[in-house]
PDB file of N, CA and C in Angstrom:
ATOM      1  N   UNK A   1    -152.960  59.724   7.962  1.00  0.00           N
ATOM      2  CA  UNK A   1    -152.810  58.390   8.547  1.00  0.00           C
ATOM      3  C   UNK A   1    -151.195  58.023   8.775  1.00  0.00           C
ATOM      4  N   UNK A   2    -150.517  58.498   7.735  1.00  0.00           N
ATOM      5  CA  UNK A   2    -149.086  57.972   7.619  1.00  0.00           C
ATOM      6  C   UNK A   2    -148.344  58.319   8.867  1.00  0.00           C
ATOM      7  N   UNK A   3    -148.633  59.529   9.550  1.00  0.00           N
ATOM      8  CA  UNK A   3    -147.927  59.704  10.739  1.00  0.00           C
ATOM      9  C   UNK A   3    -148.458  58.750  11.840  1.00  0.00           C
ATOM     10  N   UNK A   4    -149.708  58.321  11.680  1.00  0.00           N
ATOM     11  CA  UNK A   4    -149.796  57.287  12.716  1.00  0.00           C
ATOM     12  C   UNK A   4    -149.334  55.586  12.263  1.00  0.00           C
ATOM     13  N   UNK A   5    -148.815  55.848  11.279  1.00  0.00           N
ATOM     14  CA  UNK A   5    -148.268  54.237  10.325  1.00  0.00           C
ATOM     15  C   UNK A   5    -149.396  53.263   9.929  1.00  0.00           C
ATOM     16  N   UNK A   6    -150.645  54.074   9.733  1.00  0.00           N
ATOM     17  CA  UNK A   6    -151.471  53.397   8.840  1.00  0.00           C
ATOM     18  C   UNK A   6    -151.487  53.708   7.882  1.00  0.00           C
ATOM     19  N   UNK A   7    -150.975  52.703   6.982  1.00  0.00           N
ATOM     20  CA  UNK A   7    -150.570  52.921   5.387  1.00  0.00           C
ATOM     21  C   UNK A   7    -151.399  52.160   4.619  1.00  0.00           C
ATOM     22  N   UNK A   8    -151.963  50.796   4.925  1.00  0.00           N
ATOM     23  CA  UNK A   8    -152.580  49.791   4.119  1.00  0.00           C
ATOM     24  C   UNK A   8    -153.949  49.694   5.204  1.00  0.00           C
ATOM     25  N   UNK A   9    -154.609  48.726   4.181  1.00  0.00           N
ATOM     26  CA  UNK A   9    -155.953  48.355   5.030  1.00  0.00           C
ATOM     27  C   UNK A   9    -155.702  47.284   6.139  1.00  0.00           C
ATOM     28  N   UNK A  10    -154.867  46.346   6.182  1.00  0.00           N
ATOM     29  CA  UNK A  10    -154.165  45.655   7.253  1.00  0.00           C
ATOM     30  C   UNK A  10    -153.940  46.526   8.330  1.00  0.00           C
ATOM     31  N   UNK A  11    -153.063  47.789   8.297  1.00  0.00           N
ATOM     32  CA  UNK A  11    -152.852  48.432   9.336  1.00  0.00           C
ATOM     33  C   UNK A  11    -154.199  49.336  10.150  1.00  0.00           C
ATOM     34  N   UNK A  12    -155.032  49.886   9.134  1.00  0.00           N
ATOM     35  CA  UNK A  12    -156.429  50.219   9.694  1.00  0.00           C
ATOM     36  C   UNK A  12    -156.912  49.057  10.385  1.00  0.00           C
ATOM     37  N   UNK A  13    -157.322  47.920   9.836  1.00  0.00           N
ATOM     38  CA  UNK A  13    -157.767  46.713  10.645  1.00  0.00           C
ATOM     39  C   UNK A  13    -157.059  46.522  12.085  1.00  0.00           C
ATOM     40  N   UNK A  14    -155.902  46.434  12.090  1.00  0.00           N
ATOM     41  CA  UNK A  14    -155.193  46.112  13.031  1.00  0.00           C
ATOM     42  C   UNK A  14    -155.320  47.431  14.246  1.00  0.00           C
ATOM     43  N   UNK A  15    -155.584  48.402  13.987  1.00  0.00           N
ATOM     44  CA  UNK A  15    -155.666  49.712  14.727  1.00  0.00           C
ATOM     45  C   UNK A  15    -157.391  49.600  15.144  1.00  0.00           C
ATOM     46  N   UNK A  16    -158.319  49.072  14.373  1.00  0.00           N
ATOM     47  CA  UNK A  16    -159.639  48.968  14.811  1.00  0.00           C
ATOM     48  C   UNK A  16    -159.855  47.968  15.656  1.00  0.00           C
ATOM     49  N   UNK A  17    -159.068  47.061  16.125  1.00  0.00           N
ATOM     50  CA  UNK A  17    -159.170  45.658  16.630  1.00  0.00           C
ATOM     51  C   UNK A  17    -158.337  45.798  17.962  1.00  0.00           C
ATOM     52  N   UNK A  18    -157.300  46.876  17.905  1.00  0.00           N
ATOM     53  CA  UNK A  18    -156.455  47.200  19.211  1.00  0.00           C
ATOM     54  C   UNK A  18    -156.587  48.368  19.506  1.00  0.00           C
ATOM     55  N   UNK A  19    -157.033  49.462  18.830  1.00  0.00           N
ATOM     56  CA  UNK A  19    -157.304  50.747  19.665  1.00  0.00           C
ATOM     57  C   UNK A  19    -158.304  51.769  18.883  1.00  0.00           C
ATOM     58  N   UNK A  20    -159.644  51.156  18.866  1.00  0.00           N
ATOM     59  CA  UNK A  20    -160.695  51.870  17.989  1.00  0.00           C
ATOM     60  C   UNK A  20    -160.971  53.354  18.395  1.00  0.00           C
ATOM     61  N   UNK A  21    -160.612  53.750  19.398  1.00  0.00           N
ATOM     62  CA  UNK A  21    -160.391  55.021  19.796  1.00  0.00           C
ATOM     63  C   UNK A  21    -159.714  56.111  19.043  1.00  0.00           C
ATOM     64  N   UNK A  22    -158.652  55.090  18.943  1.00  0.00           N
ATOM     65  CA  UNK A  22    -157.386  56.154  18.215  1.00  0.00           C
ATOM     66  C   UNK A  22    -157.660  56.304  17.017  1.00  0.00           C
ATOM     67  N   UNK A  23    -158.436  54.942  16.413  1.00  0.00           N
ATOM     68  CA  UNK A  23    -158.689  55.293  14.834  1.00  0.00           C
ATOM     69  C   UNK A  23    -159.853  56.285  14.739  1.00  0.00           C
ATOM     70  N   UNK A  24    -161.146  56.299  15.684  1.00  0.00           N
ATOM     71  CA  UNK A  24    -161.928  57.279  15.639  1.00  0.00           C
ATOM     72  C   UNK A  24    -161.447  58.712  15.620  1.00  0.00           C
ATOM     73  N   UNK A  25    -160.372  58.928  16.593  1.00  0.00           N
ATOM     74  CA  UNK A  25    -159.798  60.087  16.795  1.00  0.00           C
ATOM     75  C   UNK A  25    -159.080  60.815  15.240  1.00  0.00           C
ATOM     76  N   UNK A  26    -158.555  59.693  14.539  1.00  0.00           N
ATOM     77  CA  UNK A  26    -158.008  59.424  13.171  1.00  0.00           C
ATOM     78  C   UNK A  26    -158.758  59.816  12.249  1.00  0.00           C
ATOM     79  N   UNK A  27    -159.863  59.231  12.206  1.00  0.00           N
ATOM     80  CA  UNK A  27    -160.594  59.527  11.008  1.00  0.00           C
ATOM     81  C   UNK A  27    -161.771  60.687  11.490  1.00  0.00           C
ATOM     82  N   UNK A  28    -161.768  61.295  12.344  1.00  0.00           N
ATOM     83  CA  UNK A  28    -162.662  61.918  13.060  1.00  0.00           C
ATOM     84  C   UNK A  28    -164.312  61.560  12.823  1.00  0.00           C
ATOM     85  N   UNK A  29    -164.331  60.366  13.438  1.00  0.00           N
ATOM     86  CA  UNK A  29    -165.574  59.858  13.338  1.00  0.00           C
ATOM     87  C   UNK A  29    -165.657  59.411  14.493  1.00  0.00           C
ATOM     88  N   UNK A  30    -167.206  58.962  14.768  1.00  0.00           N
ATOM     89  CA  UNK A  30    -167.574  58.332  15.855  1.00  0.00           C
ATOM     90  C   UNK A  30    -168.054  56.638  15.316  1.00  0.00           C
ATOM     91  N   UNK A  31    -167.635  56.039  16.317  1.00  0.00           N
ATOM     92  CA  UNK A  31    -167.960  54.284  15.847  1.00  0.00           C
ATOM     93  C   UNK A  31    -169.237  54.220  15.717  1.00  0.00           C
ATOM     94  N   UNK A  32    -170.272  55.023  16.114  1.00  0.00           N
ATOM     95  CA  UNK A  32    -171.477  54.661  15.954  1.00  0.00           C
ATOM     96  C   UNK A  32    -172.145  55.391  14.762  1.00  0.00           C
ATOM     97  N   UNK A  33    -171.395  56.071  13.943  1.00  0.00           N
ATOM     98  CA  UNK A  33    -171.854  56.980  12.552  1.00  0.00           C
ATOM     99  C   UNK A  33    -171.703  55.525  11.432  1.00  0.00           C
ATOM    100  N   UNK A  34    -172.785  56.122  10.593  1.00  0.00           N
ATOM    101  CA  UNK A  34    -173.087  55.382   9.515  1.00  0.00           C
ATOM    102  C   UNK A  34    -171.523  55.442   8.760  1.00  0.00           C
ATOM    103  N   UNK A  35    -170.930  56.664   8.881  1.00  0.00           N
ATOM    104  CA  UNK A  35    -169.690  56.302   7.831  1.00  0.00           C
ATOM    105  C   UNK A  35    -168.909  55.164   8.486  1.00  0.00           C
ATOM    106  N   UNK A  36    -168.574  55.234   9.862  1.00  0.00           N
ATOM    107  CA  UNK A  36    -167.766  54.509  10.254  1.00  0.00           C
ATOM    108  C   UNK A  36    -168.191  52.950   9.857  1.00  0.00           C
ATOM    109  N   UNK A  37    -169.290  52.654   9.988  1.00  0.00           N
ATOM    110  CA  UNK A  37    -169.649  51.280   9.544  1.00  0.00           C
ATOM    111  C   UNK A  37    -169.324  50.961   7.959  1.00  0.00           C
ATOM    112  N   UNK A  38    -169.369  51.857   6.999  1.00  0.00           N
ATOM    113  CA  UNK A  38    -169.203  51.682   5.853  1.00  0.00           C
ATOM    114  C   UNK A  38    -167.690  51.377   5.754  1.00  0.00           C
ATOM    115  N   UNK A  39    -167.009  52.287   6.601  1.00  0.00           N
ATOM    116  CA  UNK A  39    -165.312  52.240   6.472  1.00  0.00           C
ATOM    117  C   UNK A  39    -164.889  50.771   7.006  1.00  0.00           C
ATOM    118  N   UNK A  40    -165.675  50.529   8.192  1.00  0.00           N
ATOM    119  CA  UNK A  40    -165.002  49.184   8.461  1.00  0.00           C
ATOM    120  C   UNK A  40    -165.417  47.885   7.779  1.00  0.00           C
ATOM    121  N   UNK A  41    -166.829  48.002   7.137  1.00  0.00           N
ATOM    122  CA  UNK A  41    -167.544  46.947   6.107  1.00  0.00           C
ATOM    123  C   UNK A  41    -166.279  46.657   5.006  1.00  0.00           C
ATOM    124  N   UNK A  42    -166.116  48.035   4.630  1.00  0.00           N
ATOM    125  CA  UNK A  42    -165.154  48.077   3.272  1.00  0.00           C
ATOM    126  C   UNK A  42    -163.810  47.574   3.440  1.00  0.00           C
ATOM    127  N   UNK A  43    -163.100  47.834   4.731  1.00  0.00           N
ATOM    128  CA  UNK A  43    -162.098  47.461   4.975  1.00  0.00           C
ATOM    129  C   UNK A  43    -162.056  45.990   5.405  1.00  0.00           C
ATOM    130  N   UNK A  44    -162.684  45.248   5.815  1.00  0.00           N
ATOM    131  CA  UNK A  44    -163.285  43.797   6.265  1.00  0.00           C
ATOM    132  C   UNK A  44    -163.391  43.130   5.040  1.00  0.00           C
ATOM    133  N   UNK A  45    -164.084  43.655   4.017  1.00  0.00           N
ATOM    134  CA  UNK A  45    -164.236  43.001   2.584  1.00  0.00           C
ATOM    135  C   UNK A  45    -163.190  43.051   1.699  1.00  0.00           C
ATOM    136  N   UNK A  46    -162.318  44.130   1.807  1.00  0.00           N
ATOM    137  CA  UNK A  46    -161.127  44.426   0.593  1.00  0.00           C
ATOM    138  C   UNK A  46    -160.280  43.345   0.471  1.00  0.00           C
ATOM    139  N   UNK A  47    -160.039  43.278  -0.987  1.00  0.00           N
ATOM    140  CA  UNK A  47    -159.066  42.544  -1.405  1.00  0.00           C
ATOM    141  C   UNK A  47    -158.252  43.032  -2.422  1.00  0.00           C
ATOM    142  N   UNK A  48    -158.254  44.541  -2.159  1.00  0.00           N
ATOM    143  CA  UNK A  48    -157.178  45.131  -3.051  1.00  0.00           C
ATOM    144  C   UNK A  48    -157.310  46.625  -2.478  1.00  0.00           C
ATOM    145  N   UNK A  49    -158.339  47.452  -2.895  1.00  0.00           N
ATOM    146  CA  UNK A  49    -158.157  48.810  -2.440  1.00  0.00           C
ATOM    147  C   UNK A  49    -158.895  49.165  -1.688  1.00  0.00           C
ATOM    148  N   UNK A  50    -158.728  50.500  -0.646  1.00  0.00           N
ATOM    149  CA  UNK A  50    -159.597  51.085   0.243  1.00  0.00           C
ATOM    150  C   UNK A  50    -159.606  52.291  -0.081  1.00  0.00           C
ATOM    151  N   UNK A  51    -160.702  53.229  -0.136  1.00  0.00           N
ATOM    152  CA  UNK A  51    -160.442  54.503  -0.345  1.00  0.00           C
ATOM    153  C   UNK A  51    -161.246  55.244   1.069  1.00  0.00           C
ATOM    154  N   UNK A  52    -160.888  56.262   1.490  1.00  0.00           N
ATOM    155  CA  UNK A  52    -161.395  56.994   2.380  1.00  0.00           C
ATOM    156  C   UNK A  52    -161.602  58.541   2.253  1.00  0.00           C
ATOM    157  N   UNK A  53    -162.816  59.015   2.234  1.00  0.00           N
ATOM    158  CA  UNK A  53    -162.724  60.592   2.089  1.00  0.00           C
ATOM    159  C   UNK A  53    -163.550  60.836   3.398  1.00  0.00           C
ATOM    160  N   UNK A  54    -162.860  62.134   4.021  1.00  0.00           N
ATOM    161  CA  UNK A  54    -163.552  62.596   5.488  1.00  0.00           C
ATOM    162  C   UNK A  54    -164.275  63.858   4.787  1.00  0.00           C
ATOM    163  N   UNK A  55    -165.372  64.283   6.058  1.00  0.00           N
ATOM    164  CA  UNK A  55    -166.415  65.376   5.484  1.00  0.00           C
ATOM    165  C   UNK A  55    -165.954  66.669   4.628  1.00  0.00           C
ATOM    166  N   UNK A  56    -164.537  66.546   4.877  1.00  0.00           N
ATOM    167  CA  UNK A  56    -164.110  68.158   4.228  1.00  0.00           C
ATOM    168  C   UNK A  56    -163.410  67.715   2.727  1.00  0.00           C
ATOM    169  N   UNK A  57    -163.705  66.296   2.137  1.00  0.00           N
ATOM    170  CA  UNK A  57    -163.313  65.985   0.606  1.00  0.00           C
ATOM    171  C   UNK A  57    -161.866  65.612   0.643  1.00  0.00           C
ATOM    172  N   UNK A  58    -161.232  65.626   1.772  1.00  0.00           N
ATOM    173  CA  UNK A  58    -159.957  65.268   1.845  1.00  0.00           C
ATOM    174  C   UNK A  58    -159.642  63.700   1.686  1.00  0.00           C
ATOM    175  N   UNK A  59    -158.497  62.777   1.458  1.00  0.00           N
ATOM    176  CA  UNK A  59    -158.989  61.311   1.540  1.00  0.00           C
ATOM    177  C   UNK A  59    -157.783  60.827   1.534  1.00  0.00           C
ATOM    178  N   UNK A  60    -157.613  59.353   1.467  1.00  0.00           N
ATOM    179  CA  UNK A  60    -156.451  58.392   1.340  1.00  0.00           C
ATOM    180  C   UNK A  60    -156.904  57.052   0.959  1.00  0.00           C
ATOM    181  N   UNK A  61    -156.189  56.722  -0.450  1.00  0.00           N
ATOM    182  CA  UNK A  61    -156.497  55.442  -0.718  1.00  0.00           C
ATOM    183  C   UNK A  61    -155.579  54.561  -0.258  1.00  0.00           C
ATOM    184  N   UNK A  62    -155.617  53.260   0.255  1.00  0.00           N
ATOM    185  CA  UNK A  62    -154.953  52.017   0.850  1.00  0.00           C
ATOM    186  C   UNK A  62    -155.013  50.642  -0.029  1.00  0.00           C
ATOM    187  N   UNK A  63    -153.808  50.300  -0.141  1.00  0.00           N
ATOM    188  CA  UNK A  63    -154.018  49.052  -0.830  1.00  0.00           C
ATOM    189  C   UNK A  63    -153.501  47.863   0.192  1.00  0.00           C
ATOM    190  N   UNK A  64    -153.744  46.690   0.014  1.00  0.00           N
ATOM    191  CA  UNK A  64    -153.381  45.828   1.230  1.00  0.00           C
ATOM    192  C   UNK A  64    -152.055  45.294   0.922  1.00  0.00           C
ATOM    193  N   UNK A  65    -151.301  45.605  -0.320  1.00  0.00           N
ATOM    194  CA  UNK A  65    -149.950  45.420  -0.244  1.00  0.00           C
ATOM    195  C   UNK A  65    -148.973  46.751   0.085  1.00  0.00           C
ATOM    196  N   UNK A  66    -149.563  47.541   0.694  1.00  0.00           N
ATOM    197  CA  UNK A  66    -148.550  48.772   0.768  1.00  0.00           C
ATOM    198  C   UNK A  66    -148.580  49.802   0.309  1.00  0.00           C
TER     199      UNK A  66
END
């Protein structure tokens, strides 16, 4: 995600609101999936840390301060 300049929860939320299709592709998820909804809810509610694990068990931890 760093290659796409998504390094914080804030970056993720900006991409969500400006180009959700690009975020779908980056996360390898469809916006209609349950996992997508969980990620969005967690990002919106985050006041510190955010963890994303994809189906292949690789992931990223983001914090709101970068």
